[in-house]
Amino acid sequence: MAPTNHKVRRLAGATFLLLLASLSPASVAAHAELETAMPANGSTVEAPFNGPIRLEFSEELADGSGAELRDEVGGGIATATVDGPGAAMEFELSAPLGPGDYEIAWTGIAVDGHVERGTVAFTVKAPPTPEPTPSPTPTPEPSESIAPATQSPEPTPSTSPSPTPAPGDASGSADAVIPIIVALLVVALGAGYLLSRRGRSTP
């Protein structure tokens, strides 16, 4: 029975050592997974967008890691690489991004050579058009109340009394008649005288 127990102990010890080795950090494969993206995947930012555009990973990245920023038709706009030890990649834009859909295709290589790939998509939208500010409506100044024009009654034609002749006018008429009567009398007397003389001279 003793040899059997010895074999059991040796097997148990080997299993324990193997378990410890499997739990050792050095034996765990490193994965450079994406932890944070700016802008976030599926987010919307306002144009013109100057950044930042940054990717942060869970592990240190090895040489060969990189990312490419593409527009909505797949054209490359900018690239980001890892220079030396680091766990992040950041883009430097030569010009602000205009409205449209964009995608970042990244490749993360861990120090143990494990490769991870993925994409981050975001949208740049045009800023809202400001609404025109309504101009204030001028308040009408109170106008002076103008009384309606009252029609003046038409003048009633009045019957003017005939002018009464002045007393002086009557005397003037009488003075004008008297010479006429005198002249007529003179003519009549002259005619009578001539007739009488003719009668006397007739045999």
C-alpha atoms as a PDB file:
ATOM      1  CA  MET A   1       0.000   0.000   0.000  1.00  0.00           C
ATOM      2  CA  ALA A   2       2.867   2.363   0.634  1.00  0.00           C
ATOM      3  CA  PRO A   3       4.043   2.582  -2.991  1.00  0.00           C
ATOM      4  CA  THR A   4       0.516   3.445  -4.090  1.00  0.00           C
ATOM      5  CA  ASN A   5       0.282   6.297  -1.606  1.00  0.00           C
ATOM      6  CA  HIS A   6       3.624   7.598  -2.789  1.00  0.00           C
ATOM      7  CA  LYS A   7       2.428   7.702  -6.385  1.00  0.00           C
ATOM      8  CA  VAL A   8      -0.716   9.505  -5.332  1.00  0.00           C
ATOM      9  CA  ARG A   9       1.327  12.143  -3.517  1.00  0.00           C
ATOM     10  CA  ARG A  10       3.581  12.673  -6.521  1.00  0.00           C
ATOM     11  CA  LEU A  11       0.584  13.027  -8.848  1.00  0.00           C
ATOM     12  CA  ALA A  12      -1.075  15.504  -6.514  1.00  0.00           C
ATOM     13  CA  GLY A  13       2.101  17.580  -6.281  1.00  0.00           C
ATOM     14  CA  ALA A  14       2.494  17.689 -10.058  1.00  0.00           C
ATOM     15  CA  THR A  15      -1.106  18.763 -10.486  1.00  0.00           C
ATOM     16  CA  PHE A  16      -0.661  21.514  -7.919  1.00  0.00           C
ATOM     17  CA  LEU A  17       2.470  22.803  -9.664  1.00  0.00           C
ATOM     18  CA  LEU A  18       0.709  22.725 -13.015  1.00  0.00           C
ATOM     19  CA  LEU A  19      -2.175  24.685 -11.546  1.00  0.00           C
ATOM     20  CA  LEU A  20       0.175  27.309 -10.159  1.00  0.00           C
ATOM     21  CA  ALA A  21       1.918  27.570 -13.493  1.00  0.00           C
ATOM     22  CA  SER A  22      -1.391  28.082 -15.277  1.00  0.00           C
ATOM     23  CA  LEU A  23      -2.316  30.888 -12.862  1.00  0.00           C
ATOM     24  CA  SER A  24       1.036  32.639 -13.273  1.00  0.00           C
ATOM     25  CA  PRO A  25       0.734  36.089 -15.032  1.00  0.00           C
ATOM     26  CA  ALA A  26       3.664  35.202 -17.260  1.00  0.00           C
ATOM     27  CA  SER A  27       1.792  32.257 -18.692  1.00  0.00           C
ATOM     28  CA  VAL A  28      -1.431  34.229 -19.417  1.00  0.00           C
ATOM     29  CA  ALA A  29      -1.623  35.392 -23.083  1.00  0.00           C
ATOM     30  CA  ALA A  30      -1.789  39.200 -23.327  1.00  0.00           C
ATOM     31  CA  HIS A  31      -4.662  40.728 -25.333  1.00  0.00           C
ATOM     32  CA  ALA A  32      -4.434  44.370 -26.369  1.00  0.00           C
ATOM     33  CA  GLU A  33      -8.157  45.073 -26.335  1.00  0.00           C
ATOM     34  CA  LEU A  34      -9.702  48.475 -26.948  1.00  0.00           C
ATOM     35  CA  GLU A  35     -10.949  50.005 -23.694  1.00  0.00           C
ATOM     36  CA  THR A  36     -11.775  53.647 -24.557  1.00  0.00           C
ATOM     37  CA  ALA A  37     -12.424  55.513 -27.806  1.00  0.00           C
ATOM     38  CA  MET A  38     -12.780  59.241 -28.328  1.00  0.00           C
ATOM     39  CA  PRO A  39     -15.237  59.856 -29.954  1.00  0.00           C
ATOM     40  CA  ALA A  40     -17.114  56.854 -28.629  1.00  0.00           C
ATOM     41  CA  ASN A  41     -18.368  54.206 -31.015  1.00  0.00           C
ATOM     42  CA  GLY A  42     -21.745  55.280 -32.449  1.00  0.00           C
ATOM     43  CA  SER A  43     -21.491  58.833 -31.106  1.00  0.00           C
ATOM     44  CA  THR A  44     -22.224  62.109 -32.925  1.00  0.00           C
ATOM     45  CA  VAL A  45     -20.091  65.235 -32.756  1.00  0.00           C
ATOM     46  CA  GLU A  46     -20.612  68.685 -34.223  1.00  0.00           C
ATOM     47  CA  ALA A  47     -18.764  70.046 -37.239  1.00  0.00           C
ATOM     48  CA  PRO A  48     -16.158  71.330 -37.681  1.00  0.00           C
ATOM     49  CA  PHE A  49     -14.539  68.607 -35.553  1.00  0.00           C
ATOM     50  CA  ASN A  50     -10.899  69.145 -34.581  1.00  0.00           C
ATOM     51  CA  GLY A  51     -10.555  66.141 -32.273  1.00  0.00           C
ATOM     52  CA  PRO A  52      -9.263  64.645 -30.152  1.00  0.00           C
ATOM     53  CA  ILE A  53      -9.456  61.193 -31.765  1.00  0.00           C
ATOM     54  CA  ARG A  54      -7.795  58.767 -29.355  1.00  0.00           C
ATOM     55  CA  LEU A  55      -7.836  55.004 -28.702  1.00  0.00           C
ATOM     56  CA  GLU A  56      -6.746  53.518 -25.381  1.00  0.00           C
ATOM     57  CA  PHE A  57      -6.037  49.792 -24.942  1.00  0.00           C
ATOM     58  CA  SER A  58      -5.939  47.362 -22.068  1.00  0.00           C
ATOM     59  CA  GLU A  59      -2.343  46.279 -22.713  1.00  0.00           C
ATOM     60  CA  GLU A  60       0.842  47.845 -23.922  1.00  0.00           C
ATOM     61  CA  LEU A  61       1.020  47.856 -27.706  1.00  0.00           C
ATOM     62  CA  ALA A  62       3.904  46.446 -29.682  1.00  0.00           C
ATOM     63  CA  ASP A  63       5.384  47.742 -32.909  1.00  0.00           C
ATOM     64  CA  GLY A  64       3.080  47.207 -35.872  1.00  0.00           C
ATOM     65  CA  SER A  65      -0.008  48.431 -34.043  1.00  0.00           C
ATOM     66  CA  GLY A  66      -1.856  51.248 -35.765  1.00  0.00           C
ATOM     67  CA  ALA A  67      -5.162  52.727 -36.859  1.00  0.00           C
ATOM     68  CA  GLU A  68      -6.607  54.469 -39.925  1.00  0.00           C
ATOM     69  CA  LEU A  69      -9.348  57.103 -40.067  1.00  0.00           C
ATOM     70  CA  ARG A  70     -11.610  56.730 -43.104  1.00  0.00           C
ATOM     71  CA  ASP A  71     -14.471  58.804 -44.482  1.00  0.00           C
ATOM     72  CA  GLU A  72     -17.863  57.470 -45.534  1.00  0.00           C
ATOM     73  CA  VAL A  73     -16.599  56.355 -48.952  1.00  0.00           C
ATOM     74  CA  GLY A  74     -13.603  54.517 -47.480  1.00  0.00           C
ATOM     75  CA  GLY A  75     -10.945  57.090 -48.254  1.00  0.00           C
ATOM     76  CA  GLY A  76      -8.091  57.363 -45.802  1.00  0.00           C
ATOM     77  CA  ILE A  77      -7.851  60.669 -43.951  1.00  0.00           C
ATOM     78  CA  ALA A  78      -5.223  60.108 -41.246  1.00  0.00           C
ATOM     79  CA  THR A  79      -3.261  57.336 -39.538  1.00  0.00           C
ATOM     80  CA  ALA A  80      -2.102  56.736 -35.995  1.00  0.00           C
ATOM     81  CA  THR A  81       0.790  54.509 -34.937  1.00  0.00           C
ATOM     82  CA  VAL A  82       2.557  53.539 -31.735  1.00  0.00           C
ATOM     83  CA  ASP A  83       6.045  54.940 -31.309  1.00  0.00           C
ATOM     84  CA  GLY A  84       7.734  53.068 -28.502  1.00  0.00           C
ATOM     85  CA  PRO A  85       6.006  51.490 -25.496  1.00  0.00           C
ATOM     86  CA  GLY A  86       2.445  52.713 -24.930  1.00  0.00           C
ATOM     87  CA  ALA A  87      -1.146  51.651 -24.667  1.00  0.00           C
ATOM     88  CA  ALA A  88      -2.774  54.423 -26.706  1.00  0.00           C
ATOM     89  CA  MET A  89      -2.983  55.767 -30.254  1.00  0.00           C
ATOM     90  CA  GLU A  90      -3.996  59.322 -31.174  1.00  0.00           C
ATOM     91  CA  PHE A  91      -4.693  60.944 -34.537  1.00  0.00           C
ATOM     92  CA  GLU A  92      -3.348  64.314 -35.596  1.00  0.00           C
ATOM     93  CA  LEU A  93      -5.735  65.983 -38.043  1.00  0.00           C
ATOM     94  CA  SER A  94      -4.392  68.297 -40.731  1.00  0.00           C
ATOM     95  CA  ALA A  95      -7.835  69.894 -41.116  1.00  0.00           C
ATOM     96  CA  PRO A  96     -11.122  69.800 -39.194  1.00  0.00           C
ATOM     97  CA  LEU A  97     -13.575  67.067 -40.131  1.00  0.00           C
ATOM     98  CA  GLY A  98     -16.681  68.185 -41.967  1.00  0.00           C
ATOM     99  CA  PRO A  99     -20.175  66.670 -41.739  1.00  0.00           C
ATOM    100  CA  GLY A 100     -20.330  62.959 -42.594  1.00  0.00           C
ATOM    101  CA  ASP A 101     -19.816  59.416 -41.308  1.00  0.00           C
ATOM    102  CA  TYR A 102     -16.338  58.277 -40.254  1.00  0.00           C
ATOM    103  CA  GLU A 103     -14.728  54.977 -39.226  1.00  0.00           C
ATOM    104  CA  ILE A 104     -11.523  54.081 -37.409  1.00  0.00           C
ATOM    105  CA  ALA A 105     -10.048  50.687 -38.303  1.00  0.00           C
ATOM    106  CA  TRP A 106      -7.492  49.691 -35.668  1.00  0.00           C
ATOM    107  CA  THR A 107      -5.032  46.873 -35.115  1.00  0.00           C
ATOM    108  CA  GLY A 108      -3.608  46.216 -31.664  1.00  0.00           C
ATOM    109  CA  ILE A 109      -0.637  43.910 -31.263  1.00  0.00           C
ATOM    110  CA  ALA A 110       0.234  42.805 -27.737  1.00  0.00           C
ATOM    111  CA  VAL A 111       3.809  42.311 -26.566  1.00  0.00           C
ATOM    112  CA  ASP A 112       3.365  38.541 -26.843  1.00  0.00           C
ATOM    113  CA  GLY A 113       2.348  38.935 -30.483  1.00  0.00           C
ATOM    114  CA  HIS A 114      -1.384  38.478 -30.014  1.00  0.00           C
ATOM    115  CA  VAL A 115      -3.323  40.560 -32.580  1.00  0.00           C
ATOM    116  CA  GLU A 116      -6.688  42.264 -32.023  1.00  0.00           C
ATOM    117  CA  ARG A 117      -8.622  44.202 -34.677  1.00  0.00           C
ATOM    118  CA  GLY A 118     -11.760  46.319 -34.594  1.00  0.00           C
ATOM    119  CA  THR A 119     -13.529  49.438 -35.820  1.00  0.00           C
ATOM    120  CA  VAL A 120     -14.990  52.575 -34.222  1.00  0.00           C
ATOM    121  CA  ALA A 121     -17.648  54.557 -36.097  1.00  0.00           C
ATOM    122  CA  PHE A 122     -18.863  58.075 -35.385  1.00  0.00           C
ATOM    123  CA  THR A 123     -20.750  60.848 -37.173  1.00  0.00           C
ATOM    124  CA  VAL A 124     -19.938  64.505 -37.629  1.00  0.00           C
ATOM    125  CA  LYS A 125     -23.078  66.576 -38.133  1.00  0.00           C
ATOM    126  CA  ALA A 126     -23.521  70.131 -39.312  1.00  0.00           C
ATOM    127  CA  PRO A 127     -24.225  72.672 -36.574  1.00  0.00           C
ATOM    128  CA  PRO A 128     -27.837  73.804 -36.307  1.00  0.00           C
ATOM    129  CA  THR A 129     -28.716  76.864 -38.343  1.00  0.00           C
ATOM    130  CA  PRO A 130     -29.496  79.726 -35.990  1.00  0.00           C
ATOM    131  CA  GLU A 131     -33.017  81.024 -36.367  1.00  0.00           C
ATOM    132  CA  PRO A 132     -33.269  84.663 -37.391  1.00  0.00           C
ATOM    133  CA  THR A 133     -33.963  86.929 -34.476  1.00  0.00           C
ATOM    134  CA  PRO A 134     -37.331  88.570 -35.027  1.00  0.00           C
ATOM    135  CA  SER A 135     -37.080  92.317 -35.143  1.00  0.00           C
ATOM    136  CA  PRO A 136     -39.142  94.036 -32.464  1.00  0.00           C
ATOM    137  CA  THR A 137     -42.457  95.303 -33.718  1.00  0.00           C
ATOM    138  CA  PRO A 138     -42.603  99.070 -33.296  1.00  0.00           C
ATOM    139  CA  THR A 139     -45.311 100.131 -30.903  1.00  0.00           C
ATOM    140  CA  PRO A 140     -47.576 102.651 -32.626  1.00  0.00           C
ATOM    141  CA  GLU A 141     -47.550 105.986 -30.878  1.00  0.00           C
ATOM    142  CA  PRO A 142     -50.949 107.141 -29.709  1.00  0.00           C
ATOM    143  CA  SER A 143     -52.256 109.468 -32.399  1.00  0.00           C
ATOM    144  CA  GLU A 144     -54.209 112.552 -31.513  1.00  0.00           C
ATOM    145  CA  SER A 145     -57.873 111.923 -31.799  1.00  0.00           C
ATOM    146  CA  ILE A 146     -59.241 113.922 -34.673  1.00  0.00           C
ATOM    147  CA  ALA A 147     -62.854 114.927 -34.284  1.00  0.00           C
ATOM    148  CA  PRO A 148     -64.875 114.165 -37.373  1.00  0.00           C
ATOM    149  CA  ALA A 149     -65.468 117.228 -39.472  1.00  0.00           C
ATOM    150  CA  THR A 150     -68.899 118.613 -38.721  1.00  0.00           C
ATOM    151  CA  GLN A 151     -70.715 119.730 -41.803  1.00  0.00           C
ATOM    152  CA  SER A 152     -71.774 123.282 -41.418  1.00  0.00           C
ATOM    153  CA  PRO A 153     -75.384 123.827 -42.396  1.00  0.00           C
ATOM    154  CA  GLU A 154     -75.807 125.362 -45.783  1.00  0.00           C
ATOM    155  CA  PRO A 155     -76.791 129.023 -45.526  1.00  0.00           C
ATOM    156  CA  THR A 156     -80.519 129.524 -45.981  1.00  0.00           C
ATOM    157  CA  PRO A 157     -81.101 132.125 -48.642  1.00  0.00           C
ATOM    158  CA  SER A 158     -82.698 135.080 -46.915  1.00  0.00           C
ATOM    159  CA  THR A 159     -85.050 137.393 -48.719  1.00  0.00           C
ATOM    160  CA  SER A 160     -83.468 140.782 -48.602  1.00  0.00           C
ATOM    161  CA  PRO A 161     -85.944 143.610 -48.297  1.00  0.00           C
ATOM    162  CA  SER A 162     -85.985 145.954 -51.241  1.00  0.00           C
ATOM    163  CA  PRO A 163     -84.035 149.037 -50.497  1.00  0.00           C
ATOM    164  CA  THR A 164     -86.255 151.800 -49.308  1.00  0.00           C
ATOM    165  CA  PRO A 165     -85.498 154.984 -51.178  1.00  0.00           C
ATOM    166  CA  ALA A 166     -84.017 157.561 -49.025  1.00  0.00           C
ATOM    167  CA  PRO A 167     -85.899 160.817 -48.578  1.00  0.00           C
ATOM    168  CA  GLY A 168     -83.254 162.644 -50.492  1.00  0.00           C
ATOM    169  CA  ASP A 169     -83.893 160.511 -53.600  1.00  0.00           C
ATOM    170  CA  ALA A 170     -87.584 161.614 -53.755  1.00  0.00           C
ATOM    171  CA  SER A 171     -86.726 165.273 -53.596  1.00  0.00           C
ATOM    172  CA  GLY A 172     -84.105 164.773 -56.252  1.00  0.00           C
ATOM    173  CA  SER A 173     -86.727 163.262 -58.588  1.00  0.00           C
ATOM    174  CA  ALA A 174     -89.083 166.164 -58.004  1.00  0.00           C
ATOM    175  CA  ASP A 175     -86.314 168.658 -58.729  1.00  0.00           C
ATOM    176  CA  ALA A 176     -85.646 166.922 -62.041  1.00  0.00           C
ATOM    177  CA  VAL A 177     -89.334 166.998 -63.072  1.00  0.00           C
ATOM    178  CA  ILE A 178     -89.868 170.706 -62.378  1.00  0.00           C
ATOM    179  CA  PRO A 179     -87.543 172.009 -65.159  1.00  0.00           C
ATOM    180  CA  ILE A 180     -89.249 169.729 -67.625  1.00  0.00           C
ATOM    181  CA  ILE A 181     -92.668 171.151 -66.727  1.00  0.00           C
ATOM    182  CA  VAL A 182     -91.318 174.655 -66.978  1.00  0.00           C
ATOM    183  CA  ALA A 183     -89.844 173.931 -70.408  1.00  0.00           C
ATOM    184  CA  LEU A 184     -93.110 172.467 -71.604  1.00  0.00           C
ATOM    185  CA  LEU A 185     -94.981 175.534 -70.380  1.00  0.00           C
ATOM    186  CA  VAL A 186     -92.519 177.805 -72.169  1.00  0.00           C
ATOM    187  CA  VAL A 187     -92.939 175.843 -75.384  1.00  0.00           C
ATOM    188  CA  ALA A 188     -96.721 175.936 -75.061  1.00  0.00           C
ATOM    189  CA  LEU A 189     -96.730 179.656 -74.425  1.00  0.00           C
ATOM    190  CA  GLY A 190     -94.417 180.256 -77.345  1.00  0.00           C
ATOM    191  CA  ALA A 191     -96.622 178.212 -79.630  1.00  0.00           C
ATOM    192  CA  GLY A 192     -99.724 180.052 -78.475  1.00  0.00           C
ATOM    193  CA  TYR A 193     -98.089 183.388 -79.074  1.00  0.00           C
ATOM    194  CA  LEU A 194     -97.101 182.460 -82.573  1.00  0.00           C
ATOM    195  CA  LEU A 195    -100.571 181.208 -83.365  1.00  0.00           C
ATOM    196  CA  SER A 196    -102.118 184.419 -82.095  1.00  0.00           C
ATOM    197  CA  ARG A 197     -99.871 186.528 -84.223  1.00  0.00           C
ATOM    198  CA  ARG A 198    -100.645 184.519 -87.285  1.00  0.00           C
ATOM    199  CA  GLY A 199    -104.298 184.976 -86.659  1.00  0.00           C
ATOM    200  CA  ARG A 200    -103.997 188.687 -86.457  1.00  0.00           C
ATOM    201  CA  SER A 201    -102.020 189.042 -89.574  1.00  0.00           C
ATOM    202  CA  THR A 202    -104.512 187.096 -91.622  1.00  0.00           C
ATOM    203  CA  PRO A 203    -107.078 189.559 -93.401  1.00  0.00           C
END
